[in-house]
Amino acid sequence: QIQLVESGGGLVQPGGSLRLSCTASGVFLRVATVAWYRQAPGQERELVATISSTRPTNYQDSVKDRFTVSGDNAKNTVYLQMNSLKPEDTAVYYCNLYRTHFWGQGTQVTVAS
C-alpha cells in the first residue's frame, strides 16, 4: 500500500523559510517523479515543483529561485525547501506521485506577519 505523508508546514513571517518533507511507504521515491502542489483557499490546486527519478527538477515561475526540491533516497523522502516566503505562498501543500492518484494528506503553510 502506497502512502505519502507530508510534514513541516507552519506559520512563518514574510521572508522566512520552511522545509516540507514528503515521506513515502510502499514505493521507492527514487524511481518516481514526485510533485508538490498547493491549494490556497478558494483557488484550484496548482503544481509547484517536480523532481524526476533522474533528479531533474522543474518549478512554477512564481517560486523559481525561492523554492528547491530535492530527495534523500536513504530516507525515501522528498523535500521542498521554501525561502523568501510571501503571503501569496499561503496554501495547503501536497505531495503527489506525479500523474497518479497517490496524494499525501497535505500540510498547511501560512505566511503572515
PDB file of N, CA and C in Angstrom:
ATOM      1  N   GLN A   1       0.849  -1.195   0.000  1.00  0.00           N
ATOM      2  CA  GLN A   1       0.000   0.000   0.000  1.00  0.00           C
ATOM      3  C   GLN A   1       0.879   1.239   0.000  1.00  0.00           C
ATOM      4  N   ILE A   2       0.630   2.104  -0.951  1.00  0.00           N
ATOM      5  CA  ILE A   2       1.425   3.319  -1.073  1.00  0.00           C
ATOM      6  C   ILE A   2       0.830   4.412  -0.202  1.00  0.00           C
ATOM      7  N   GLN A   3       1.688   5.038   0.587  1.00  0.00           N
ATOM      8  CA  GLN A   3       1.276   6.176   1.400  1.00  0.00           C
ATOM      9  C   GLN A   3       2.321   7.266   1.313  1.00  0.00           C
ATOM     10  N   LEU A   4       1.836   8.486   1.269  1.00  0.00           N
ATOM     11  CA  LEU A   4       2.695   9.671   1.291  1.00  0.00           C
ATOM     12  C   LEU A   4       2.291  10.511   2.495  1.00  0.00           C
ATOM     13  N   VAL A   5       3.271  10.952   3.255  1.00  0.00           N
ATOM     14  CA  VAL A   5       2.998  11.751   4.448  1.00  0.00           C
ATOM     15  C   VAL A   5       3.837  13.017   4.391  1.00  0.00           C
ATOM     16  N   GLU A   6       3.154  14.160   4.380  1.00  0.00           N
ATOM     17  CA  GLU A   6       3.848  15.445   4.396  1.00  0.00           C
ATOM     18  C   GLU A   6       4.003  15.927   5.838  1.00  0.00           C
ATOM     19  N   SER A   7       5.020  16.723   6.032  1.00  0.00           N
ATOM     20  CA  SER A   7       5.225  17.385   7.308  1.00  0.00           C
ATOM     21  C   SER A   7       6.045  18.646   7.076  1.00  0.00           C
ATOM     22  N   GLY A   8       6.109  19.485   8.102  1.00  0.00           N
ATOM     23  CA  GLY A   8       6.973  20.651   8.040  1.00  0.00           C
ATOM     24  C   GLY A   8       6.267  21.973   7.831  1.00  0.00           C
ATOM     25  N   GLY A   9       4.970  21.948   7.663  1.00  0.00           N
ATOM     26  CA  GLY A   9       4.252  23.204   7.496  1.00  0.00           C
ATOM     27  C   GLY A   9       4.177  23.980   8.796  1.00  0.00           C
ATOM     28  N   GLY A  10       3.651  25.193   8.696  1.00  0.00           N
ATOM     29  CA  GLY A  10       3.513  26.024   9.877  1.00  0.00           C
ATOM     30  C   GLY A  10       3.283  27.470   9.517  1.00  0.00           C
ATOM     31  N   LEU A  11       3.406  28.307  10.536  1.00  0.00           N
ATOM     32  CA  LEU A  11       3.252  29.750  10.376  1.00  0.00           C
ATOM     33  C   LEU A  11       4.637  30.385  10.322  1.00  0.00           C
ATOM     34  N   VAL A  12       4.859  31.212   9.335  1.00  0.00           N
ATOM     35  CA  VAL A  12       6.149  31.874   9.189  1.00  0.00           C
ATOM     36  C   VAL A  12       5.924  33.305   8.711  1.00  0.00           C
ATOM     37  N   GLN A  13       6.811  34.186   9.106  1.00  0.00           N
ATOM     38  CA  GLN A  13       6.718  35.575   8.675  1.00  0.00           C
ATOM     39  C   GLN A  13       7.181  35.734   7.234  1.00  0.00           C
ATOM     40  N   PRO A  14       6.698  36.759   6.554  1.00  0.00           N
ATOM     41  CA  PRO A  14       7.206  37.027   5.199  1.00  0.00           C
ATOM     42  C   PRO A  14       8.723  37.136   5.197  1.00  0.00           C
ATOM     43  N   GLY A  15       9.327  36.522   4.190  1.00  0.00           N
ATOM     44  CA  GLY A  15      10.781  36.486   4.105  1.00  0.00           C
ATOM     45  C   GLY A  15      11.401  35.288   4.790  1.00  0.00           C
ATOM     46  N   GLY A  16      10.607  34.548   5.523  1.00  0.00           N
ATOM     47  CA  GLY A  16      11.110  33.386   6.241  1.00  0.00           C
ATOM     48  C   GLY A  16      11.210  32.149   5.376  1.00  0.00           C
ATOM     49  N   SER A  17      11.578  31.050   6.026  1.00  0.00           N
ATOM     50  CA  SER A  17      11.796  29.789   5.322  1.00  0.00           C
ATOM     51  C   SER A  17      11.096  28.646   6.031  1.00  0.00           C
ATOM     52  N   LEU A  18      10.744  27.657   5.255  1.00  0.00           N
ATOM     53  CA  LEU A  18      10.231  26.389   5.766  1.00  0.00           C
ATOM     54  C   LEU A  18      10.749  25.276   4.873  1.00  0.00           C
ATOM     55  N   ARG A  19      10.880  24.084   5.443  1.00  0.00           N
ATOM     56  CA  ARG A  19      11.194  22.910   4.643  1.00  0.00           C
ATOM     57  C   ARG A  19      10.108  21.872   4.856  1.00  0.00           C
ATOM     58  N   LEU A  20       9.460  21.538   3.764  1.00  0.00           N
ATOM     59  CA  LEU A  20       8.440  20.497   3.794  1.00  0.00           C
ATOM     60  C   LEU A  20       9.069  19.152   3.444  1.00  0.00           C
ATOM     61  N   SER A  21       8.540  18.105   4.059  1.00  0.00           N
ATOM     62  CA  SER A  21       9.001  16.748   3.782  1.00  0.00           C
ATOM     63  C   SER A  21       7.849  15.907   3.277  1.00  0.00           C
ATOM     64  N   CYS A  22       8.155  15.009   2.370  1.00  0.00           N
ATOM     65  CA  CYS A  22       7.189  14.033   1.880  1.00  0.00           C
ATOM     66  C   CYS A  22       7.864  12.673   1.983  1.00  0.00           C
ATOM     67  N   THR A  23       7.405  11.868   2.927  1.00  0.00           N
ATOM     68  CA  THR A  23       7.993  10.554   3.157  1.00  0.00           C
ATOM     69  C   THR A  23       7.026   9.492   2.672  1.00  0.00           C
ATOM     70  N   ALA A  24       7.576   8.537   1.935  1.00  0.00           N
ATOM     71  CA  ALA A  24       6.740   7.520   1.303  1.00  0.00           C
ATOM     72  C   ALA A  24       6.936   6.153   1.931  1.00  0.00           C
ATOM     73  N   SER A  25       5.886   5.364   1.853  1.00  0.00           N
ATOM     74  CA  SER A  25       5.963   3.940   2.143  1.00  0.00           C
ATOM     75  C   SER A  25       5.250   3.213   1.016  1.00  0.00           C
ATOM     76  N   GLY A  26       5.741   2.017   0.717  1.00  0.00           N
ATOM     77  CA  GLY A  26       5.132   1.237  -0.351  1.00  0.00           C
ATOM     78  C   GLY A  26       5.628   1.554  -1.741  1.00  0.00           C
ATOM     79  N   VAL A  27       6.527   2.523  -1.854  1.00  0.00           N
ATOM     80  CA  VAL A  27       7.097   2.897  -3.147  1.00  0.00           C
ATOM     81  C   VAL A  27       8.447   3.543  -2.887  1.00  0.00           C
ATOM     82  N   PHE A  28       9.376   3.315  -3.798  1.00  0.00           N
ATOM     83  CA  PHE A  28      10.672   3.974  -3.705  1.00  0.00           C
ATOM     84  C   PHE A  28      10.611   5.273  -4.508  1.00  0.00           C
ATOM     85  N   LEU A  29      10.722   6.381  -3.814  1.00  0.00           N
ATOM     86  CA  LEU A  29      10.606   7.671  -4.489  1.00  0.00           C
ATOM     87  C   LEU A  29      11.733   7.902  -5.486  1.00  0.00           C
ATOM     88  N   ARG A  30      12.855   7.204  -5.321  1.00  0.00           N
ATOM     89  CA  ARG A  30      13.974   7.428  -6.222  1.00  0.00           C
ATOM     90  C   ARG A  30      13.661   6.969  -7.643  1.00  0.00           C
ATOM     91  N   VAL A  31      12.627   6.138  -7.819  1.00  0.00           N
ATOM     92  CA  VAL A  31      12.272   5.677  -9.160  1.00  0.00           C
ATOM     93  C   VAL A  31      11.012   6.363  -9.668  1.00  0.00           C
ATOM     94  N   ALA A  32      10.538   7.357  -8.943  1.00  0.00           N
ATOM     95  CA  ALA A  32       9.286   8.021  -9.308  1.00  0.00           C
ATOM     96  C   ALA A  32       9.528   9.495  -9.567  1.00  0.00           C
ATOM     97  N   THR A  33       8.610  10.092 -10.284  1.00  0.00           N
ATOM     98  CA  THR A  33       8.552  11.551 -10.341  1.00  0.00           C
ATOM     99  C   THR A  33       7.588  12.013  -9.258  1.00  0.00           C
ATOM    100  N   VAL A  34       8.061  12.891  -8.423  1.00  0.00           N
ATOM    101  CA  VAL A  34       7.274  13.389  -7.304  1.00  0.00           C
ATOM    102  C   VAL A  34       6.952  14.859  -7.538  1.00  0.00           C
ATOM    103  N   ALA A  35       5.728  15.222  -7.285  1.00  0.00           N
ATOM    104  CA  ALA A  35       5.279  16.594  -7.481  1.00  0.00           C
ATOM    105  C   ALA A  35       4.830  17.199  -6.160  1.00  0.00           C
ATOM    106  N   TRP A  36       5.072  18.484  -6.031  1.00  0.00           N
ATOM    107  CA  TRP A  36       4.495  19.272  -4.963  1.00  0.00           C
ATOM    108  C   TRP A  36       3.418  20.173  -5.576  1.00  0.00           C
ATOM    109  N   TYR A  37       2.241  20.141  -4.990  1.00  0.00           N
ATOM    110  CA  TYR A  37       1.142  21.007  -5.369  1.00  0.00           C
ATOM    111  C   TYR A  37       0.770  21.862  -4.162  1.00  0.00           C
ATOM    112  N   ARG A  38       0.020  22.909  -4.429  1.00  0.00           N
ATOM    113  CA  ARG A  38      -0.542  23.686  -3.340  1.00  0.00           C
ATOM    114  C   ARG A  38      -1.937  24.162  -3.723  1.00  0.00           C
ATOM    115  N   GLN A  39      -2.727  24.388  -2.688  1.00  0.00           N
ATOM    116  CA  GLN A  39      -4.082  24.879  -2.907  1.00  0.00           C
ATOM    117  C   GLN A  39      -4.395  25.934  -1.865  1.00  0.00           C
ATOM    118  N   ALA A  40      -4.610  27.149  -2.341  1.00  0.00           N
ATOM    119  CA  ALA A  40      -4.994  28.246  -1.469  1.00  0.00           C
ATOM    120  C   ALA A  40      -6.510  28.270  -1.361  1.00  0.00           C
ATOM    121  N   PRO A  41      -7.034  28.872  -0.304  1.00  0.00           N
ATOM    122  CA  PRO A  41      -8.492  28.933  -0.132  1.00  0.00           C
ATOM    123  C   PRO A  41      -9.179  29.557  -1.337  1.00  0.00           C
ATOM    124  N   GLY A  42     -10.195  28.886  -1.836  1.00  0.00           N
ATOM    125  CA  GLY A  42     -10.962  29.403  -2.952  1.00  0.00           C
ATOM    126  C   GLY A  42     -10.287  29.288  -4.302  1.00  0.00           C
ATOM    127  N   GLN A  43      -9.133  28.640  -4.335  1.00  0.00           N
ATOM    128  CA  GLN A  43      -8.409  28.508  -5.592  1.00  0.00           C
ATOM    129  C   GLN A  43      -8.213  27.038  -5.956  1.00  0.00           C
ATOM    130  N   GLU A  44      -7.901  26.808  -7.211  1.00  0.00           N
ATOM    131  CA  GLU A  44      -7.638  25.451  -7.667  1.00  0.00           C
ATOM    132  C   GLU A  44      -6.240  25.014  -7.219  1.00  0.00           C
ATOM    133  N   ARG A  45      -6.096  23.715  -7.116  1.00  0.00           N
ATOM    134  CA  ARG A  45      -4.781  23.178  -6.790  1.00  0.00           C
ATOM    135  C   ARG A  45      -3.830  23.442  -7.952  1.00  0.00           C
ATOM    136  N   GLU A  46      -2.620  23.877  -7.642  1.00  0.00           N
ATOM    137  CA  GLU A  46      -1.663  24.196  -8.691  1.00  0.00           C
ATOM    138  C   GLU A  46      -0.345  23.473  -8.448  1.00  0.00           C
ATOM    139  N   LEU A  47       0.290  23.147  -9.551  1.00  0.00           N
ATOM    140  CA  LEU A  47       1.583  22.473  -9.497  1.00  0.00           C
ATOM    141  C   LEU A  47       2.675  23.474  -9.140  1.00  0.00           C
ATOM    142  N   VAL A  48       3.475  23.112  -8.157  1.00  0.00           N
ATOM    143  CA  VAL A  48       4.542  23.999  -7.697  1.00  0.00           C
ATOM    144  C   VAL A  48       5.893  23.552  -8.227  1.00  0.00           C
ATOM    145  N   ALA A  49       6.181  22.261  -8.100  1.00  0.00           N
ATOM    146  CA  ALA A  49       7.503  21.770  -8.492  1.00  0.00           C
ATOM    147  C   ALA A  49       7.443  20.264  -8.681  1.00  0.00           C
ATOM    148  N   THR A  50       8.374  19.770  -9.489  1.00  0.00           N
ATOM    149  CA  THR A  50       8.518  18.327  -9.658  1.00  0.00           C
ATOM    150  C   THR A  50       9.986  17.950  -9.589  1.00  0.00           C
ATOM    151  N   ILE A  51      10.215  16.703  -9.187  1.00  0.00           N
ATOM    152  CA  ILE A  51      11.556  16.123  -9.232  1.00  0.00           C
ATOM    153  C   ILE A  51      11.397  14.728  -9.811  1.00  0.00           C
ATOM    154  N   SER A  52      12.181  14.461 -10.859  1.00  0.00           N
ATOM    155  CA  SER A  52      12.037  13.180 -11.546  1.00  0.00           C
ATOM    156  C   SER A  52      12.973  12.140 -10.956  1.00  0.00           C
ATOM    157  N   SER A  53      12.828  10.918 -11.449  1.00  0.00           N
ATOM    158  CA  SER A  53      13.651   9.824 -10.942  1.00  0.00           C
ATOM    159  C   SER A  53      15.117  10.033 -11.233  1.00  0.00           C
ATOM    160  N   THR A  54      15.420  10.763 -12.298  1.00  0.00           N
ATOM    161  CA  THR A  54      16.812  11.075 -12.621  1.00  0.00           C
ATOM    162  C   THR A  54      17.236  12.383 -11.982  1.00  0.00           C
ATOM    163  N   ARG A  55      16.317  12.978 -11.210  1.00  0.00           N
ATOM    164  CA  ARG A  55      16.523  14.153 -10.373  1.00  0.00           C
ATOM    165  C   ARG A  55      16.566  15.500 -11.068  1.00  0.00           C
ATOM    166  N   PRO A  56      16.241  15.631 -12.357  1.00  0.00           N
ATOM    167  CA  PRO A  56      15.963  16.981 -12.857  1.00  0.00           C
ATOM    168  C   PRO A  56      14.721  17.532 -12.177  1.00  0.00           C
ATOM    169  N   THR A  57      14.705  18.836 -12.019  1.00  0.00           N
ATOM    170  CA  THR A  57      13.609  19.485 -11.329  1.00  0.00           C
ATOM    171  C   THR A  57      12.977  20.554 -12.209  1.00  0.00           C
ATOM    172  N   ASN A  58      11.725  20.828 -11.938  1.00  0.00           N
ATOM    173  CA  ASN A  58      11.012  21.904 -12.627  1.00  0.00           C
ATOM    174  C   ASN A  58      10.201  22.679 -11.606  1.00  0.00           C
ATOM    175  N   TYR A  59      10.043  23.958 -11.862  1.00  0.00           N
ATOM    176  CA  TYR A  59       9.358  24.835 -10.921  1.00  0.00           C
ATOM    177  C   TYR A  59       8.374  25.743 -11.633  1.00  0.00           C
ATOM    178  N   GLN A  60       7.305  26.029 -10.908  1.00  0.00           N
ATOM    179  CA  GLN A  60       6.394  27.072 -11.358  1.00  0.00           C
ATOM    180  C   GLN A  60       7.153  28.398 -11.339  1.00  0.00           C
ATOM    181  N   ASP A  61       6.847  29.258 -12.284  1.00  0.00           N
ATOM    182  CA  ASP A  61       7.601  30.520 -12.396  1.00  0.00           C
ATOM    183  C   ASP A  61       7.582  31.326 -11.104  1.00  0.00           C
ATOM    184  N   SER A  62       6.474  31.299 -10.386  1.00  0.00           N
ATOM    185  CA  SER A  62       6.350  32.162  -9.213  1.00  0.00           C
ATOM    186  C   SER A  62       7.238  31.718  -8.048  1.00  0.00           C
ATOM    187  N   VAL A  63       7.770  30.494  -8.106  1.00  0.00           N
ATOM    188  CA  VAL A  63       8.603  30.019  -6.999  1.00  0.00           C
ATOM    189  C   VAL A  63      10.056  29.786  -7.411  1.00  0.00           C
ATOM    190  N   LYS A  64      10.346  29.955  -8.702  1.00  0.00           N
ATOM    191  CA  LYS A  64      11.736  29.782  -9.139  1.00  0.00           C
ATOM    192  C   LYS A  64      12.650  30.707  -8.360  1.00  0.00           C
ATOM    193  N   ASP A  65      13.807  30.227  -8.024  1.00  0.00           N
ATOM    194  CA  ASP A  65      14.836  30.957  -7.284  1.00  0.00           C
ATOM    195  C   ASP A  65      14.484  31.133  -5.821  1.00  0.00           C
ATOM    196  N   ARG A  66      13.317  30.636  -5.397  1.00  0.00           N
ATOM    197  CA  ARG A  66      12.963  30.678  -3.973  1.00  0.00           C
ATOM    198  C   ARG A  66      12.756  29.285  -3.392  1.00  0.00           C
ATOM    199  N   PHE A  67      12.215  28.379  -4.187  1.00  0.00           N
ATOM    200  CA  PHE A  67      11.938  27.025  -3.723  1.00  0.00           C
ATOM    201  C   PHE A  67      12.927  26.057  -4.370  1.00  0.00           C
ATOM    202  N   THR A  68      13.281  25.035  -3.613  1.00  0.00           N
ATOM    203  CA  THR A  68      14.157  23.982  -4.124  1.00  0.00           C
ATOM    204  C   THR A  68      13.599  22.632  -3.706  1.00  0.00           C
ATOM    205  N   VAL A  69      13.474  21.737  -4.673  1.00  0.00           N
ATOM    206  CA  VAL A  69      13.004  20.389  -4.379  1.00  0.00           C
ATOM    207  C   VAL A  69      14.192  19.440  -4.483  1.00  0.00           C
ATOM    208  N   SER A  70      14.269  18.517  -3.537  1.00  0.00           N
ATOM    209  CA  SER A  70      15.387  17.581  -3.502  1.00  0.00           C
ATOM    210  C   SER A  70      14.906  16.266  -2.904  1.00  0.00           C
ATOM    211  N   GLY A  71      15.750  15.244  -3.026  1.00  0.00           N
ATOM    212  CA  GLY A  71      15.373  13.939  -2.500  1.00  0.00           C
ATOM    213  C   GLY A  71      16.480  13.328  -1.667  1.00  0.00           C
ATOM    214  N   ASP A  72      16.083  12.524  -0.695  1.00  0.00           N
ATOM    215  CA  ASP A  72      17.013  11.749   0.125  1.00  0.00           C
ATOM    216  C   ASP A  72      16.600  10.297  -0.016  1.00  0.00           C
ATOM    217  N   ASN A  73      17.344   9.561  -0.837  1.00  0.00           N
ATOM    218  CA  ASN A  73      16.962   8.176  -1.117  1.00  0.00           C
ATOM    219  C   ASN A  73      16.995   7.310   0.135  1.00  0.00           C
ATOM    220  N   ALA A  74      17.960   7.564   1.001  1.00  0.00           N
ATOM    221  CA  ALA A  74      18.093   6.750   2.203  1.00  0.00           C
ATOM    222  C   ALA A  74      16.862   6.879   3.116  1.00  0.00           C
ATOM    223  N   LYS A  75      16.267   8.047   3.097  1.00  0.00           N
ATOM    224  CA  LYS A  75      15.080   8.292   3.930  1.00  0.00           C
ATOM    225  C   LYS A  75      13.783   8.148   3.142  1.00  0.00           C
ATOM    226  N   ASN A  76      13.914   7.850   1.840  1.00  0.00           N
ATOM    227  CA  ASN A  76      12.736   7.741   0.978  1.00  0.00           C
ATOM    228  C   ASN A  76      11.835   8.970   1.130  1.00  0.00           C
ATOM    229  N   THR A  77      12.473  10.113   1.066  1.00  0.00           N
ATOM    230  CA  THR A  77      11.807  11.386   1.350  1.00  0.00           C
ATOM    231  C   THR A  77      12.183  12.405   0.292  1.00  0.00           C
ATOM    232  N   VAL A  78      11.210  13.203  -0.087  1.00  0.00           N
ATOM    233  CA  VAL A  78      11.434  14.351  -0.961  1.00  0.00           C
ATOM    234  C   VAL A  78      11.137  15.607  -0.154  1.00  0.00           C
ATOM    235  N   TYR A  79      11.958  16.611  -0.358  1.00  0.00           N
ATOM    236  CA  TYR A  79      11.835  17.853   0.385  1.00  0.00           C
ATOM    237  C   TYR A  79      11.460  19.008  -0.543  1.00  0.00           C
ATOM    238  N   LEU A  80      10.810  19.988   0.029  1.00  0.00           N
ATOM    239  CA  LEU A  80      10.580  21.261  -0.645  1.00  0.00           C
ATOM    240  C   LEU A  80      11.083  22.352   0.284  1.00  0.00           C
ATOM    241  N   GLN A  81      12.249  22.870  -0.047  1.00  0.00           N
ATOM    242  CA  GLN A  81      12.813  23.977   0.718  1.00  0.00           C
ATOM    243  C   GLN A  81      12.232  25.275   0.175  1.00  0.00           C
ATOM    244  N   MET A  82      11.600  26.029   1.037  1.00  0.00           N
ATOM    245  CA  MET A  82      10.941  27.262   0.619  1.00  0.00           C
ATOM    246  C   MET A  82      11.591  28.437   1.343  1.00  0.00           C
ATOM    247  N   ASN A  83      12.190  29.316   0.578  1.00  0.00           N
ATOM    248  CA  ASN A  83      12.844  30.504   1.117  1.00  0.00           C
ATOM    249  C   ASN A  83      12.129  31.760   0.628  1.00  0.00           C
ATOM    250  N   SER A  84      12.424  32.858   1.280  1.00  0.00           N
ATOM    251  CA  SER A  84      11.849  34.157   0.892  1.00  0.00           C
ATOM    252  C   SER A  84      10.337  34.045   0.721  1.00  0.00           C
ATOM    253  N   LEU A  85       9.703  33.441   1.687  1.00  0.00           N
ATOM    254  CA  LEU A  85       8.266  33.190   1.580  1.00  0.00           C
ATOM    255  C   LEU A  85       7.470  34.490   1.561  1.00  0.00           C
ATOM    256  N   LYS A  86       6.384  34.434   0.798  1.00  0.00           N
ATOM    257  CA  LYS A  86       5.491  35.581   0.625  1.00  0.00           C
ATOM    258  C   LYS A  86       4.087  35.210   1.095  1.00  0.00           C
ATOM    259  N   PRO A  87       3.289  36.184   1.448  1.00  0.00           N
ATOM    260  CA  PRO A  87       1.915  35.864   1.861  1.00  0.00           C
ATOM    261  C   PRO A  87       1.153  35.062   0.807  1.00  0.00           C
ATOM    262  N   GLU A  88       1.445  35.303  -0.448  1.00  0.00           N
ATOM    263  CA  GLU A  88       0.746  34.576  -1.513  1.00  0.00           C
ATOM    264  C   GLU A  88       1.180  33.119  -1.628  1.00  0.00           C
ATOM    265  N   ASP A  89       2.176  32.709  -0.856  1.00  0.00           N
ATOM    266  CA  ASP A  89       2.551  31.299  -0.793  1.00  0.00           C
ATOM    267  C   ASP A  89       1.680  30.529   0.193  1.00  0.00           C
ATOM    268  N   THR A  90       0.842  31.232   0.923  1.00  0.00           N
ATOM    269  CA  THR A  90      -0.046  30.578   1.889  1.00  0.00           C
ATOM    270  C   THR A  90      -0.976  29.605   1.181  1.00  0.00           C
ATOM    271  N   ALA A  91      -0.956  28.359   1.632  1.00  0.00           N
ATOM    272  CA  ALA A  91      -1.756  27.305   0.998  1.00  0.00           C
ATOM    273  C   ALA A  91      -1.557  26.007   1.766  1.00  0.00           C
ATOM    274  N   VAL A  92      -2.352  25.027   1.421  1.00  0.00           N
ATOM    275  CA  VAL A  92      -2.077  23.658   1.832  1.00  0.00           C
ATOM    276  C   VAL A  92      -1.203  23.043   0.748  1.00  0.00           C
ATOM    277  N   TYR A  93      -0.095  22.475   1.160  1.00  0.00           N
ATOM    278  CA  TYR A  93       0.860  21.880   0.234  1.00  0.00           C
ATOM    279  C   TYR A  93       0.721  20.353   0.273  1.00  0.00           C
ATOM    280  N   TYR A  94       0.696  19.774  -0.922  1.00  0.00           N
ATOM    281  CA  TYR A  94       0.525  18.333  -1.067  1.00  0.00           C
ATOM    282  C   TYR A  94       1.659  17.750  -1.891  1.00  0.00           C
ATOM    283  N   CYS A  95       2.082  16.562  -1.530  1.00  0.00           N
ATOM    284  CA  CYS A  95       2.956  15.842  -2.439  1.00  0.00           C
ATOM    285  C   CYS A  95       2.150  14.766  -3.150  1.00  0.00           C
ATOM    286  N   ASN A  96       2.629  14.384  -4.298  1.00  0.00           N
ATOM    287  CA  ASN A  96       1.890  13.505  -5.200  1.00  0.00           C
ATOM    288  C   ASN A  96       2.873  12.698  -6.035  1.00  0.00           C
ATOM    289  N   LEU A  97       2.565  11.425  -6.195  1.00  0.00           N
ATOM    290  CA  LEU A  97       3.282  10.675  -7.222  1.00  0.00           C
ATOM    291  C   LEU A  97       2.720  11.178  -8.539  1.00  0.00           C
ATOM    292  N   TYR A  98       3.559  11.829  -9.300  1.00  0.00           N
ATOM    293  CA  TYR A  98       3.098  12.643 -10.415  1.00  0.00           C
ATOM    294  C   TYR A  98       2.211  11.866 -11.363  1.00  0.00           C
ATOM    295  N   ARG A  99       1.054  12.479 -11.633  1.00  0.00           N
ATOM    296  CA  ARG A  99       0.078  11.908 -12.561  1.00  0.00           C
ATOM    297  C   ARG A  99      -0.458  10.558 -12.089  1.00  0.00           C
ATOM    298  N   THR A 100      -0.538  10.398 -10.775  1.00  0.00           N
ATOM    299  CA  THR A 100      -1.229   9.257 -10.182  1.00  0.00           C
ATOM    300  C   THR A 100      -2.223   9.793  -9.161  1.00  0.00           C
ATOM    301  N   HIS A 101      -2.980   8.859  -8.592  1.00  0.00           N
ATOM    302  CA  HIS A 101      -3.952   9.266  -7.579  1.00  0.00           C
ATOM    303  C   HIS A 101      -3.397   9.137  -6.170  1.00  0.00           C
ATOM    304  N   PHE A 102      -2.086   9.001  -6.056  1.00  0.00           N
ATOM    305  CA  PHE A 102      -1.474   8.882  -4.735  1.00  0.00           C
ATOM    306  C   PHE A 102      -1.059  10.258  -4.245  1.00  0.00           C
ATOM    307  N   TRP A 103      -1.731  10.704  -3.184  1.00  0.00           N
ATOM    308  CA  TRP A 103      -1.516  12.015  -2.611  1.00  0.00           C
ATOM    309  C   TRP A 103      -1.254  11.879  -1.121  1.00  0.00           C
ATOM    310  N   GLY A 104      -0.525  12.822  -0.597  1.00  0.00           N
ATOM    311  CA  GLY A 104      -0.432  12.955   0.839  1.00  0.00           C
ATOM    312  C   GLY A 104      -1.636  13.705   1.373  1.00  0.00           C
ATOM    313  N   GLN A 105      -1.662  13.855   2.692  1.00  0.00           N
ATOM    314  CA  GLN A 105      -2.823  14.485   3.336  1.00  0.00           C
ATOM    315  C   GLN A 105      -2.737  16.001   3.325  1.00  0.00           C
ATOM    316  N   GLY A 106      -1.573  16.524   3.006  1.00  0.00           N
ATOM    317  CA  GLY A 106      -1.389  17.970   2.944  1.00  0.00           C
ATOM    318  C   GLY A 106      -0.844  18.533   4.244  1.00  0.00           C
ATOM    319  N   THR A 107      -0.126  19.640   4.107  1.00  0.00           N
ATOM    320  CA  THR A 107       0.394  20.356   5.270  1.00  0.00           C
ATOM    321  C   THR A 107       0.181  21.851   5.030  1.00  0.00           C
ATOM    322  N   GLN A 108      -0.309  22.535   6.059  1.00  0.00           N
ATOM    323  CA  GLN A 108      -0.661  23.949   5.922  1.00  0.00           C
ATOM    324  C   GLN A 108       0.575  24.826   6.060  1.00  0.00           C
ATOM    325  N   VAL A 109       0.736  25.723   5.125  1.00  0.00           N
ATOM    326  CA  VAL A 109       1.762  26.754   5.197  1.00  0.00           C
ATOM    327  C   VAL A 109       1.064  28.103   5.225  1.00  0.00           C
ATOM    328  N   THR A 110       1.344  28.881   6.258  1.00  0.00           N
ATOM    329  CA  THR A 110       0.763  30.207   6.393  1.00  0.00           C
ATOM    330  C   THR A 110       1.883  31.219   6.529  1.00  0.00           C
ATOM    331  N   VAL A 111       1.884  32.196   5.632  1.00  0.00           N
ATOM    332  CA  VAL A 111       2.902  33.244   5.649  1.00  0.00           C
ATOM    333  C   VAL A 111       2.208  34.543   6.034  1.00  0.00           C
ATOM    334  N   ALA A 112       2.495  35.018   7.216  1.00  0.00           N
ATOM    335  CA  ALA A 112       1.838  36.222   7.724  1.00  0.00           C
ATOM    336  C   ALA A 112       2.701  36.845   8.804  1.00  0.00           C
ATOM    337  N   SER A 113       2.554  38.169   8.931  1.00  0.00           N
ATOM    338  CA  SER A 113       3.330  38.880   9.963  1.00  0.00           C
ATOM    339  C   SER A 113       2.528  39.005  11.235  1.00  0.00           C
TER     340      SER A 113
END
